[in-house]
Each structure stands twice: as C-alpha cells, then as structure tokens.
C-alpha cells in the first residue's frame, strides 16, 4: 500500500493504480492462456513422484499448485469436484486428479492424470515389497519398521484433524462426524450404510438448514479469491464435459468391457476362477465399488478380507504394508499393491522359483482392479457433476458425507493404535516405547507442523535406537 506522502500525491496515486492494473492484467493473461497437454503431462508426472502425505496432503498439494499458483481452476470449481470425489467409493485424491485432468483435456487428459498419479507409486512400492519380503528379518529393517508404524498412527490422527478443521464448520456437521465414529467403532455398522445415512442427513439439512450444508464445507473451503482462473467460477462448461446420455452409456460399456476382458485374461493365465489372481481381481473390484471415503476408510475392509478370508498376508504384515505405503508417493490406497505383491509371493502362484515375478503380477492385478472403477466414475459421471454446481440439494449430501468421513478416519487411527501398541511379550500388554514414539510424532505434527518425510525419518531412527537398546 502507498504511504501517506504517496496518497497526497496525485501523480503517485495514478502510478500506483496503473501498477495494480498491470498486475491484474498479468494474472488475467496467465489464467486465460490455455494449458497444453504436454504441460499438463509434466505436472501430473511430477505430482506422481512428490505426492507424499496421504490423501489430505495430496489434495492440499493440488490445491496449492492448481488453485493458488497456476490458476488452472478456481476455488469453488475445485471444491465442487472434490466433494463429488469424496462421495465416490475409492481414493478421492486420485479421482480428483482424474477429474481435473478430464475437465481440462477430455478423456485423454483424465486417463493421463490418473495413470501418472499412480504409476510411480506402483514401481516404488513393488520394490519396497520385494526388499521387505527378502530382508524382513534383518535387524535394521525390523527396527526401521518398528519406528515407522507408531508414526502412522500419528499421521492418520493428523489427517483427521486437518480434514475435520476444514469440514466441521458447525455443530450439525460435528454431530454427523461423532455419530459416524460411534457407528463404525462401537456399533460396527458397514461403512456404505454410514455414507448413505450421512447423505440422507444432508438431504434433510438442505431443506431445513440450507446455510449449514452449503457447498464449501470440505477440505479447506474458503471465500478467498486468488485471481482469475483458466476454469473460473463462471467459465462455461467445456464441450467435452456436457452431459449426453449416449456418451454416459458408451463410457460405462467401455469400462465394463475392459474390466471383464482383463479379469477373464487373468483367470485364464493363472489357472482358473479360484486362483489367487482371480480372487484378487474380484475382491479389489468389489472393494473399489463398495467402500467409500478414500484409503483410510477402506483399509479395515481390505484387512479383514486379505488377512482373515483369503490369507494373502498376516496382520503384522498388513500394518507393515501401511507403514511402507506412508513412505512412498502416490495415493495411500496403493497399499493394495503391497497386499497383491505379498499375496502372489506367499501363495507361490508361479511356483517357488518365481516368487518376485508372482508378487509383481499380484501388485499389478490389485492396482488395476482397484483404480479402474475410479476412471469410470469420473469419465462417466463428470458431466452430471458439472451440471449440478449451483444446486444446494445435490451438494449438501456431499458436504454431510465429508463430515462423516472425519469420524471414520478417527476410528481407523484407533484401529491401528490397538495393533501397534499391543505387545504379546510376557507381563506386558502395551508397548510403551511405541506409545511414546506416537506421542512425540503427534507433537511434531500438531505443534511444529513437521513434514511427513522428515517425521518418518525421525521415527525410523527412534525405532532403530529402541530396537538396539532392547
């Protein structure tokens, strides 16, 4: 702002106004410049390698880069897309990337954004899974995992806090979150039922208390303006994003055809419908269709099936897989790649001489069938979502579901804490060293805003020290 002398000078005032106009025009020119497919490709590839911190961190990263800095999409368009992704089953951060890529460059842009968001994580996690299964009894590896697992509990709690602080804007949304927590942690209701109940509460709320359930209650909603955007609040819907019944049918049919063809190929190549790969194909498709709220909500369901029903891995291995997933870029739901890798390895699908190859194929199968529905949901449903941006009766259920997810994430943190803190050593029911590591990690996250990678490195070091002293 100009000082008092400048305010008293008419010439300076005109100069200051001209500078403001130049700056505003610069932002406008930047926002109105079309983004090439190549430029978008480089961004999505970069995001695939640096997107640490779980879904909350990845969504925040996309918001900072695409809404605040690059101005590819406006705040309200970003939030509207995000709330749709929150109501869908599957990983919301990946679906948000697909949605924005599709909105900017059509089907090719959406597929490109989704694949590049997942591919680096698949490669890294497959390599870590091989190291884990080959050297899991090495004291250094065991010590590192011992320190990382308590950090995971703190990271999940921090994710719940971040989402909750931005989502729970009033007592009605807080009540929905609390009821969702009690429903899943105490009553043990299925998560789809919780989501449907939250959506019903949103429908009722949109009629009785519309201002409490309006769009913008989730993931950092704000009224701050970052300047004009390429896809702004009032930008007309692109031609490829207009709703057409024929296109909806075509996308759904193509997705169903691709999924069925790959499933039959997997079954034929692996020895029938009851082979581990065929079971993975069906289970991860079902998980993708029946689970809501992203990675943190789906993990208890995956744990129950992978450990207790199919026996692809053990409970401790599942917790170790989550710890490894927190150290890799990409969506946290990529823990399914770890489950598929360990399942293919332990079941010796290709024989005892090809364990690594069997594990890698298992990781690819689990990843493909987990993410295929996400692409179909966005490419088929995106045009419908774009036509509902100003309809409170349609957006209110999404806001209520976002609140319910907060309660589910808190329950997930308690679920992991029970497994991480409990010990079977004689005369000890709780591992107080692990509890202490989690407490310190919470202080680092909540008080000092530590980054995920630095936190995991510090906790891994603490785990090595504790393991050595024991």
Protein backbone atom coordinates (compact mmCIF):
# COMPACT_ATOMS: atom_id res chain seq x y z
CA UNK A 1 0.00 0.00 0.00
CA UNK A 2 1.23 3.57 -0.67
CA UNK A 3 2.35 5.67 2.31
CA UNK A 4 0.77 8.97 3.39
CA UNK A 5 3.03 11.09 1.17
CA UNK A 6 2.18 8.97 -1.83
CA UNK A 7 -1.50 9.25 -1.05
CA UNK A 8 -1.13 13.01 -1.10
CA UNK A 9 0.47 12.97 -4.49
CA UNK A 10 -1.98 12.77 -7.38
CA UNK A 11 0.74 11.57 -9.74
CA UNK A 12 1.83 8.83 -7.40
CA UNK A 13 -1.76 7.74 -6.94
CA UNK A 14 -2.24 7.37 -10.68
CA UNK A 15 1.06 5.48 -10.92
CA UNK A 16 0.01 3.13 -8.13
CA UNK A 17 -3.31 2.47 -9.84
CA UNK A 18 -1.55 1.74 -13.15
CA UNK A 19 0.72 -0.79 -11.44
CA UNK A 20 -2.31 -2.50 -9.95
CA UNK A 21 -3.91 -2.72 -13.37
CA UNK A 22 -0.73 -4.16 -14.86
CA UNK A 23 -0.52 -6.80 -12.14
CA UNK A 24 -4.18 -7.72 -12.52
CA UNK A 25 -3.83 -7.92 -16.30
CA UNK A 26 -0.77 -10.15 -15.91
CA UNK A 27 -2.72 -12.56 -13.72
CA UNK A 28 -5.64 -12.46 -16.14
CA UNK A 29 -3.42 -13.17 -19.13
CA UNK A 30 -1.80 -16.09 -17.32
CA UNK A 31 -5.18 -17.54 -16.33
CA UNK A 32 -6.62 -17.19 -19.84
CA UNK A 33 -3.66 -18.86 -21.54
CA UNK A 34 -4.58 -22.44 -22.46
CA UNK A 35 -2.56 -25.22 -20.83
CA UNK A 36 -1.09 -27.60 -23.36
CA UNK A 37 -1.40 -31.36 -22.94
CA UNK A 38 2.37 -31.61 -22.67
CA UNK A 39 2.50 -29.05 -19.85
CA UNK A 40 -0.25 -30.93 -18.01
CA UNK A 41 1.59 -34.23 -18.55
CA UNK A 42 4.73 -32.86 -16.91
CA UNK A 43 2.75 -31.60 -13.92
CA UNK A 44 0.90 -34.89 -13.33
CA UNK A 45 4.14 -36.85 -13.68
CA UNK A 46 5.82 -34.56 -11.16
CA UNK A 47 2.88 -34.92 -8.79
CA UNK A 48 3.12 -38.71 -9.01
CA UNK A 49 6.68 -38.59 -7.66
CA UNK A 50 6.24 -35.96 -4.94
CA UNK A 51 2.70 -36.58 -3.65
CA UNK A 52 3.55 -37.73 -0.14
CA UNK A 53 1.39 -37.27 2.94
CA UNK A 54 -1.70 -39.35 2.19
CA UNK A 55 -4.94 -38.08 0.61
CA UNK A 56 -5.19 -34.97 2.78
CA UNK A 57 -1.66 -33.90 1.92
CA UNK A 58 -2.09 -34.70 -1.78
CA UNK A 59 -5.33 -32.74 -2.02
CA UNK A 60 -3.70 -29.80 -0.25
CA UNK A 61 -0.76 -30.04 -2.66
CA UNK A 62 -3.06 -29.95 -5.69
CA UNK A 63 -4.98 -27.03 -4.22
CA UNK A 64 -1.80 -25.03 -3.63
CA UNK A 65 -0.44 -25.70 -7.11
CA UNK A 66 -3.56 -25.67 -9.28
CA UNK A 67 -5.80 -23.18 -7.45
CA UNK A 68 -3.37 -20.75 -5.81
CA UNK A 69 -0.29 -20.74 -8.04
CA UNK A 70 -1.03 -21.93 -11.56
CA UNK A 71 -4.70 -20.80 -11.50
CA UNK A 72 -5.80 -23.66 -13.73
CA UNK A 73 -9.06 -24.00 -11.79
CA UNK A 74 -10.96 -21.78 -9.35
CA UNK A 75 -11.53 -22.48 -5.66
CA UNK A 76 -15.23 -23.27 -5.99
CA UNK A 77 -14.80 -25.49 -9.07
CA UNK A 78 -12.02 -27.35 -7.24
CA UNK A 79 -14.19 -27.87 -4.14
CA UNK A 80 -17.19 -28.97 -6.15
CA UNK A 81 -15.09 -31.62 -7.90
CA UNK A 82 -13.57 -32.67 -4.57
CA UNK A 83 -16.92 -33.11 -2.84
CA UNK A 84 -18.05 -35.36 -5.71
CA UNK A 85 -14.89 -37.43 -5.34
CA UNK A 86 -15.49 -37.67 -1.60
CA UNK A 87 -18.88 -39.32 -2.11
CA UNK A 88 -17.48 -41.85 -4.56
CA UNK A 89 -16.06 -45.19 -3.48
CA UNK A 90 -12.31 -45.28 -3.94
CA UNK A 91 -9.33 -42.94 -3.48
CA UNK A 92 -10.54 -39.35 -3.58
CA UNK A 93 -7.14 -37.75 -4.31
CA UNK A 94 -6.65 -39.92 -7.40
CA UNK A 95 -10.20 -39.26 -8.55
CA UNK A 96 -9.70 -35.53 -8.08
CA UNK A 97 -6.59 -35.67 -10.31
CA UNK A 98 -8.56 -37.61 -12.94
CA UNK A 99 -11.43 -35.10 -12.72
CA UNK A 100 -9.26 -32.02 -13.19
CA UNK A 101 -7.28 -33.69 -15.98
CA UNK A 102 -10.55 -34.64 -17.70
CA UNK A 103 -12.08 -31.19 -17.25
CA UNK A 104 -9.03 -29.59 -18.88
CA UNK A 105 -8.22 -32.04 -21.68
CA UNK A 106 -11.05 -34.53 -22.01
CA UNK A 107 -10.79 -38.31 -21.69
CA UNK A 108 -7.10 -38.40 -22.66
CA UNK A 109 -6.27 -35.79 -20.03
CA UNK A 110 -8.17 -37.68 -17.33
CA UNK A 111 -6.56 -41.03 -18.11
CA UNK A 112 -3.14 -39.41 -18.27
CA UNK A 113 -3.56 -37.66 -14.92
CA UNK A 114 -4.78 -40.79 -13.16
CA UNK A 115 -2.15 -43.15 -14.56
CA UNK A 116 0.75 -40.80 -13.84
CA UNK A 117 -0.57 -40.20 -10.32
CA UNK A 118 -0.43 -43.95 -9.60
CA UNK A 119 2.41 -45.38 -11.72
CA UNK A 120 5.44 -44.06 -9.76
CA UNK A 121 3.96 -45.35 -6.51
CA UNK A 122 3.39 -48.81 -8.00
CA UNK A 123 7.03 -49.10 -9.02
CA UNK A 124 8.41 -47.84 -5.71
CA UNK A 125 6.08 -49.94 -3.58
CA UNK A 126 6.75 -53.11 -5.59
CA UNK A 127 10.48 -52.60 -4.98
CA UNK A 128 9.96 -51.98 -1.26
CA UNK A 129 7.73 -55.06 -1.03
CA UNK A 130 10.49 -57.20 -2.50
CA UNK A 131 13.02 -55.79 -0.04
CA UNK A 132 10.58 -56.34 2.83
CA UNK A 133 9.93 -59.99 1.97
CA UNK A 134 13.58 -60.73 1.26
CA UNK A 135 15.19 -58.95 4.22
CA UNK A 136 12.38 -58.59 6.77
CA UNK A 137 14.35 -60.46 9.43
CA UNK A 138 17.35 -58.13 9.16
CA UNK A 139 17.52 -56.15 12.43
CA UNK A 140 17.95 -52.80 10.66
CA UNK A 141 14.81 -53.27 8.56
CA UNK A 142 12.85 -54.51 11.57
CA UNK A 143 13.97 -51.51 13.61
CA UNK A 144 13.01 -49.03 10.90
CA UNK A 145 9.53 -50.54 10.59
CA UNK A 146 9.17 -50.56 14.38
CA UNK A 147 9.64 -46.80 14.41
CA UNK A 148 7.52 -46.03 11.35
CA UNK A 149 4.41 -47.89 12.48
CA UNK A 150 3.73 -45.64 15.51
CA UNK A 151 4.27 -42.64 13.22
CA UNK A 152 1.46 -43.94 11.00
CA UNK A 153 -0.97 -43.67 13.93
CA UNK A 154 0.01 -40.02 14.39
CA UNK A 155 -0.26 -39.31 10.65
CA UNK A 156 -3.79 -40.73 10.50
CA UNK A 157 -4.80 -38.63 13.52
CA UNK A 158 -3.30 -35.55 11.88
CA UNK A 159 -5.22 -36.29 8.67
CA UNK A 160 -8.45 -36.46 10.67
CA UNK A 161 -7.61 -33.13 12.31
CA UNK A 162 -6.79 -31.42 9.00
CA UNK A 163 -9.93 -32.61 7.30
CA UNK A 164 -12.09 -32.01 10.34
CA UNK A 165 -10.83 -28.47 10.92
CA UNK A 166 -11.86 -27.58 7.37
CA UNK A 167 -15.02 -29.66 7.13
CA UNK A 168 -16.76 -29.39 10.50
CA UNK A 169 -17.89 -25.79 10.21
CA UNK A 170 -20.89 -26.05 12.52
CA UNK A 171 -22.39 -28.23 15.23
CA UNK A 172 -24.54 -30.18 12.78
CA UNK A 173 -21.52 -31.41 10.84
CA UNK A 174 -19.69 -32.15 14.11
CA UNK A 175 -22.67 -34.27 15.20
CA UNK A 176 -22.57 -36.20 11.93
CA UNK A 177 -18.84 -36.90 12.41
CA UNK A 178 -19.39 -38.06 16.01
CA UNK A 179 -22.27 -40.34 15.04
CA UNK A 180 -20.21 -41.82 12.20
CA UNK A 181 -17.37 -42.56 14.64
CA UNK A 182 -19.72 -44.31 17.07
CA UNK A 183 -21.43 -46.20 14.26
CA UNK A 184 -18.23 -47.74 12.92
CA UNK A 185 -16.16 -48.02 16.12
CA UNK A 186 -18.85 -49.11 18.59
CA UNK A 187 -21.83 -50.45 16.66
CA UNK A 188 -19.67 -51.81 13.80
CA UNK A 189 -22.05 -50.70 11.06
CA UNK A 190 -20.94 -51.20 7.44
CA UNK A 191 -19.33 -48.09 6.02
CA UNK A 192 -21.64 -47.90 2.97
CA UNK A 193 -24.60 -47.69 5.36
CA UNK A 194 -22.87 -44.85 7.23
CA UNK A 195 -22.33 -42.98 3.97
CA UNK A 196 -25.94 -43.42 2.92
CA UNK A 197 -27.12 -42.21 6.33
CA UNK A 198 -24.89 -39.13 6.09
CA UNK A 199 -26.20 -38.42 2.58
CA UNK A 200 -29.77 -38.66 3.88
CA UNK A 201 -28.88 -36.22 6.67
CA UNK A 202 -27.51 -33.86 4.03
CA UNK A 203 -30.73 -34.07 2.02
CA UNK A 204 -32.78 -33.22 5.11
CA UNK A 205 -30.32 -30.50 6.08
CA UNK A 206 -30.54 -28.88 2.64
CA UNK A 207 -34.27 -28.37 3.21
CA UNK A 208 -34.30 -27.41 6.87
CA UNK A 209 -30.89 -25.70 7.33
CA UNK A 210 -29.57 -24.91 3.85
CA UNK A 211 -26.88 -22.48 5.06
CA UNK A 212 -25.35 -25.15 7.32
CA UNK A 213 -24.93 -27.63 4.45
CA UNK A 214 -23.94 -25.37 1.59
CA UNK A 215 -21.07 -26.16 -0.76
CA UNK A 216 -17.63 -25.39 0.58
CA UNK A 217 -17.68 -27.20 3.88
CA UNK A 218 -14.95 -29.63 2.95
CA UNK A 219 -11.19 -29.60 2.62
CA UNK A 220 -10.28 -26.05 3.16
CA UNK A 221 -13.22 -24.23 1.78
CA UNK A 222 -12.74 -20.52 1.77
CA UNK A 223 -14.03 -17.40 0.13
CA UNK A 224 -10.55 -16.15 -0.65
CA UNK A 225 -10.00 -15.08 -4.22
CA UNK A 226 -6.71 -15.99 -5.86
CA UNK A 227 -7.48 -14.06 -9.02
CA UNK A 228 -8.99 -15.20 -12.32
CA UNK A 229 -8.54 -18.84 -13.27
CA UNK A 230 -8.44 -20.70 -16.57
CA UNK A 231 -11.53 -22.64 -15.42
CA UNK A 232 -13.23 -19.97 -13.30
CA UNK A 233 -16.48 -19.97 -11.32
CA UNK A 234 -18.44 -18.64 -14.29
CA UNK A 235 -16.46 -20.32 -17.09
CA UNK A 236 -18.88 -22.23 -19.36
CA UNK A 237 -18.66 -26.00 -19.23
CA UNK A 238 -16.31 -27.26 -22.00
CA UNK A 239 -17.90 -29.08 -24.91
CA UNK A 240 -16.48 -32.46 -23.91
CA UNK A 241 -17.87 -32.06 -20.36
CA UNK A 242 -21.50 -31.52 -21.40
CA UNK A 243 -23.84 -34.30 -20.38
CA UNK A 244 -25.03 -36.63 -23.14
CA UNK A 245 -26.87 -39.89 -22.36
CA UNK A 246 -25.20 -41.67 -25.27
CA UNK A 247 -21.75 -40.74 -24.01
CA UNK A 248 -22.61 -41.91 -20.49
CA UNK A 249 -23.70 -45.29 -21.83
CA UNK A 250 -20.60 -45.58 -24.02
CA UNK A 251 -18.18 -44.86 -21.18
CA UNK A 252 -19.88 -47.32 -18.82
CA UNK A 253 -19.94 -50.02 -21.50
CA UNK A 254 -16.28 -49.48 -22.37
CA UNK A 255 -15.23 -49.66 -18.72
CA UNK A 256 -17.24 -52.83 -18.13
CA UNK A 257 -15.81 -54.42 -21.27
CA UNK A 258 -12.21 -53.60 -20.31
CA UNK A 259 -12.65 -54.87 -16.76
CA UNK A 260 -14.31 -58.12 -17.85
CA UNK A 261 -11.73 -58.79 -20.56
CA UNK A 262 -8.79 -58.31 -18.18
CA UNK A 263 -10.45 -60.42 -15.49
CA UNK A 264 -11.03 -63.30 -17.93
CA UNK A 265 -7.44 -62.99 -19.16
CA UNK A 266 -6.11 -63.13 -15.60
CA UNK A 267 -8.26 -66.16 -14.79
CA UNK A 268 -7.20 -67.97 -17.97
CA UNK A 269 -3.50 -67.27 -17.45
CA UNK A 270 -3.41 -68.11 -13.72
CA UNK A 271 -5.30 -71.39 -13.67
CA UNK A 272 -8.98 -70.66 -13.27
CA UNK A 273 -11.54 -68.61 -11.37
CA UNK A 274 -10.28 -69.77 -7.97
CA UNK A 275 -6.61 -68.84 -8.40
CA UNK A 276 -5.22 -66.10 -6.11
CA UNK A 277 -5.02 -63.64 -9.01
CA UNK A 278 -8.66 -64.25 -9.93
CA UNK A 279 -9.66 -63.80 -6.30
CA UNK A 280 -7.69 -60.55 -6.17
CA UNK A 281 -9.38 -59.32 -9.35
CA UNK A 282 -12.85 -59.86 -7.95
CA UNK A 283 -12.11 -58.72 -4.41
CA UNK A 284 -10.40 -55.44 -5.33
CA UNK A 285 -13.15 -54.66 -7.83
CA UNK A 286 -15.70 -55.22 -5.08
CA UNK A 287 -13.65 -53.16 -2.64
CA UNK A 288 -13.46 -50.32 -5.15
CA UNK A 289 -17.23 -50.38 -5.63
CA UNK A 290 -18.38 -50.92 -2.05
CA UNK A 291 -16.04 -48.78 0.02
CA UNK A 292 -16.24 -45.03 0.46
CA UNK A 293 -14.17 -42.26 1.99
CA UNK A 294 -10.78 -42.97 0.44
CA UNK A 295 -7.86 -45.04 1.67
CA UNK A 296 -8.30 -44.56 5.41
CA UNK A 297 -11.88 -45.81 5.27
CA UNK A 298 -11.23 -48.81 3.01
CA UNK A 299 -8.29 -50.29 4.94
CA UNK A 300 -10.29 -52.13 7.64
CA UNK A 301 -12.28 -53.83 4.87
CA UNK A 302 -9.12 -54.81 3.00
CA UNK A 303 -7.53 -56.02 6.25
CA UNK A 304 -10.46 -58.30 7.04
CA UNK A 305 -10.54 -59.93 3.61
CA UNK A 306 -6.80 -60.12 2.86
CA UNK A 307 -5.81 -61.42 6.30
CA UNK A 308 -8.79 -63.35 7.60
CA UNK A 309 -10.64 -64.51 4.48
CA UNK A 310 -8.01 -65.19 1.83
CA UNK A 311 -4.85 -65.43 3.95
CA UNK A 312 -2.73 -63.48 1.47
CA UNK A 313 -0.72 -61.99 4.35
CA UNK A 314 -0.69 -61.74 8.14
CA UNK A 315 -1.97 -58.96 10.38
CA UNK A 316 1.51 -57.65 11.26
CA UNK A 317 2.44 -57.68 7.57
CA UNK A 318 -0.64 -55.57 6.82
CA UNK A 319 0.45 -52.97 9.37
CA UNK A 320 3.98 -53.06 7.92
CA UNK A 321 2.48 -52.51 4.48
CA UNK A 322 0.70 -49.40 5.65
CA UNK A 323 3.96 -48.12 7.11
CA UNK A 324 5.66 -48.67 3.75
CA UNK A 325 2.74 -47.01 1.98
CA UNK A 326 3.19 -43.89 4.08
CA UNK A 327 6.82 -43.62 2.91
CA UNK A 328 6.01 -43.73 -0.81
CA UNK A 329 4.48 -41.11 -3.11
CA UNK A 330 1.05 -41.53 -4.61
CA UNK A 331 -2.31 -42.45 -3.07
CA UNK A 332 -2.24 -44.31 0.23
CA UNK A 333 -4.64 -46.89 -1.19
CA UNK A 334 -1.59 -48.18 -3.05
CA UNK A 335 -1.17 -50.45 -0.05
CA UNK A 336 -3.26 -52.79 -2.22
CA UNK A 337 -0.14 -53.20 -4.36
CA UNK A 338 1.69 -54.41 -1.25
CA UNK A 339 -1.17 -56.80 -0.47
CA UNK A 340 -1.14 -58.12 -4.03
CA UNK A 341 2.65 -58.48 -4.03
CA UNK A 342 2.74 -60.37 -0.73
CA UNK A 343 -0.25 -62.49 -1.77
CA UNK A 344 1.34 -63.52 -5.06
CA UNK A 345 4.63 -64.25 -3.26
CA UNK A 346 3.28 -66.24 -0.31
CA UNK A 347 0.82 -68.26 -2.41
CA UNK A 348 3.65 -69.08 -4.88
CA UNK A 349 1.27 -68.57 -7.79
CA UNK A 350 4.03 -69.11 -10.38
CA UNK A 351 5.92 -71.71 -8.38
CA UNK A 352 8.69 -71.42 -5.75
CA UNK A 353 11.25 -70.34 -8.33
CA UNK A 354 9.43 -67.17 -9.44
CA UNK A 355 8.33 -65.51 -6.22
CA UNK A 356 9.33 -61.96 -7.19
CA UNK A 357 7.56 -62.16 -10.57
CA UNK A 358 4.45 -63.62 -8.94
CA UNK A 359 4.50 -60.79 -6.42
CA UNK A 360 4.86 -58.09 -9.09
CA UNK A 361 1.97 -59.52 -11.13
CA UNK A 362 -0.13 -59.62 -7.97
CA UNK A 363 0.68 -55.96 -7.31
CA UNK A 364 -0.35 -55.01 -10.86
CA UNK A 365 -3.59 -57.00 -10.67
CA UNK A 366 -4.57 -55.43 -7.35
CA UNK A 367 -3.74 -51.94 -8.61
CA UNK A 368 -5.59 -52.27 -11.92
CA UNK A 369 -8.85 -53.51 -10.44
CA UNK A 370 -8.72 -51.03 -7.56
CA UNK A 371 -8.40 -47.99 -9.81
CA UNK A 372 -10.42 -48.96 -12.90
CA UNK A 373 -13.76 -48.01 -11.27
CA UNK A 374 -12.34 -44.58 -10.37
CA UNK A 375 -11.69 -43.79 -14.02
CA UNK A 376 -15.19 -44.95 -14.97
CA UNK A 377 -16.84 -42.93 -12.19
CA UNK A 378 -15.11 -39.71 -13.24
CA UNK A 379 -15.29 -40.06 -17.02
CA UNK A 380 -18.93 -41.15 -16.89
CA UNK A 381 -20.20 -39.03 -14.01
CA UNK A 382 -18.19 -35.87 -14.53
CA UNK A 383 -20.69 -34.26 -16.95
CA UNK A 384 -23.51 -34.84 -14.46
CA UNK A 385 -21.48 -33.22 -11.69
CA UNK A 386 -20.66 -30.19 -13.81
CA UNK A 387 -24.38 -29.61 -14.32
CA UNK A 388 -25.09 -29.51 -10.56
CA UNK A 389 -22.61 -26.87 -9.39
CA UNK A 390 -25.25 -24.47 -8.09
CA UNK A 391 -27.79 -26.98 -6.76
CA UNK A 392 -27.71 -26.99 -2.94
CA UNK A 393 -29.95 -30.07 -2.77
CA UNK A 394 -27.34 -32.07 -4.64
CA UNK A 395 -24.23 -30.65 -2.98
CA UNK A 396 -25.50 -30.82 0.63
CA UNK A 397 -25.29 -34.65 0.81
CA UNK A 398 -21.66 -34.42 -0.29
CA UNK A 399 -20.88 -31.97 2.50
CA UNK A 400 -22.53 -34.27 5.06
CA UNK A 401 -20.58 -37.26 3.79
CA UNK A 402 -17.32 -35.30 4.08
CA UNK A 403 -18.18 -34.75 7.76
CA UNK A 404 -18.92 -38.45 8.31
CA UNK A 405 -15.55 -39.41 6.83
CA UNK A 406 -13.82 -37.48 9.63
CA UNK A 407 -15.34 -39.80 12.22
CA UNK A 408 -14.35 -42.85 10.20
CA UNK A 409 -10.73 -41.70 9.97
CA UNK A 410 -10.55 -41.23 13.76
CA UNK A 411 -11.86 -44.77 14.23
CA UNK A 412 -9.20 -46.01 11.83
CA UNK A 413 -6.48 -44.35 13.94
CA UNK A 414 -7.76 -46.21 16.99
CA UNK A 415 -7.84 -49.45 15.00
CA UNK A 416 -4.18 -49.09 14.06
CA UNK A 417 -3.22 -48.00 17.57
CA UNK A 418 -4.61 -51.21 19.01
CA UNK A 419 -2.40 -53.26 16.70
CA UNK A 420 0.72 -51.11 17.01
CA UNK A 421 0.67 -50.53 20.77
CA UNK A 422 -0.29 -54.05 21.82
CA UNK A 423 2.51 -56.49 22.53
CA UNK A 424 2.49 -60.21 23.27
CA UNK A 425 5.64 -60.14 25.39
CA UNK A 426 5.18 -61.68 28.88
CA UNK A 427 3.87 -59.35 31.59
CA UNK A 428 3.36 -56.51 29.12
CA UNK A 429 0.11 -55.67 27.40
CA UNK A 430 1.19 -52.39 25.84
CA UNK A 431 4.36 -51.33 24.08
CA UNK A 432 5.08 -48.06 25.86
CA UNK A 433 8.03 -47.25 23.61
CA UNK A 434 5.68 -47.31 20.60
CA UNK A 435 3.18 -45.16 22.51
CA UNK A 436 5.96 -42.65 23.26
CA UNK A 437 7.01 -42.51 19.58
CA UNK A 438 3.40 -41.82 18.57
CA UNK A 439 3.10 -39.08 21.21
CA UNK A 440 6.27 -37.37 20.03
CA UNK A 441 5.13 -37.70 16.40
CA UNK A 442 1.83 -36.02 17.33
CA UNK A 443 3.71 -33.14 18.93
CA UNK A 444 5.86 -32.77 15.81
CA UNK A 445 2.81 -32.79 13.53
CA UNK A 446 0.39 -30.66 15.53
CA UNK A 447 2.76 -28.25 17.25
CA UNK A 448 5.64 -27.87 14.81
CA UNK A 449 3.89 -28.80 11.53
CA UNK A 450 6.56 -31.35 10.61
CA UNK A 451 6.58 -32.74 7.10
CA UNK A 452 5.65 -36.38 6.55
CA UNK A 453 9.03 -37.48 5.22
CA UNK A 454 11.04 -35.78 7.96
CA UNK A 455 8.72 -37.22 10.58
CA UNK A 456 9.01 -40.75 9.19
CA UNK A 457 12.80 -40.46 9.04
CA UNK A 458 12.95 -39.31 12.67
CA UNK A 459 10.63 -42.08 13.85
CA UNK A 460 12.59 -44.68 11.87
CA UNK A 461 15.75 -43.52 13.66
CA UNK A 462 13.94 -43.73 17.00
CA UNK A 463 12.84 -47.25 16.13
CA UNK A 464 16.42 -48.28 15.40
CA UNK A 465 17.57 -46.88 18.75
CA UNK A 466 14.82 -48.64 20.70
CA UNK A 467 15.45 -51.92 18.89
CA UNK A 468 19.18 -51.68 19.64
CA UNK A 469 18.62 -50.95 23.34
CA UNK A 470 16.37 -53.97 23.63
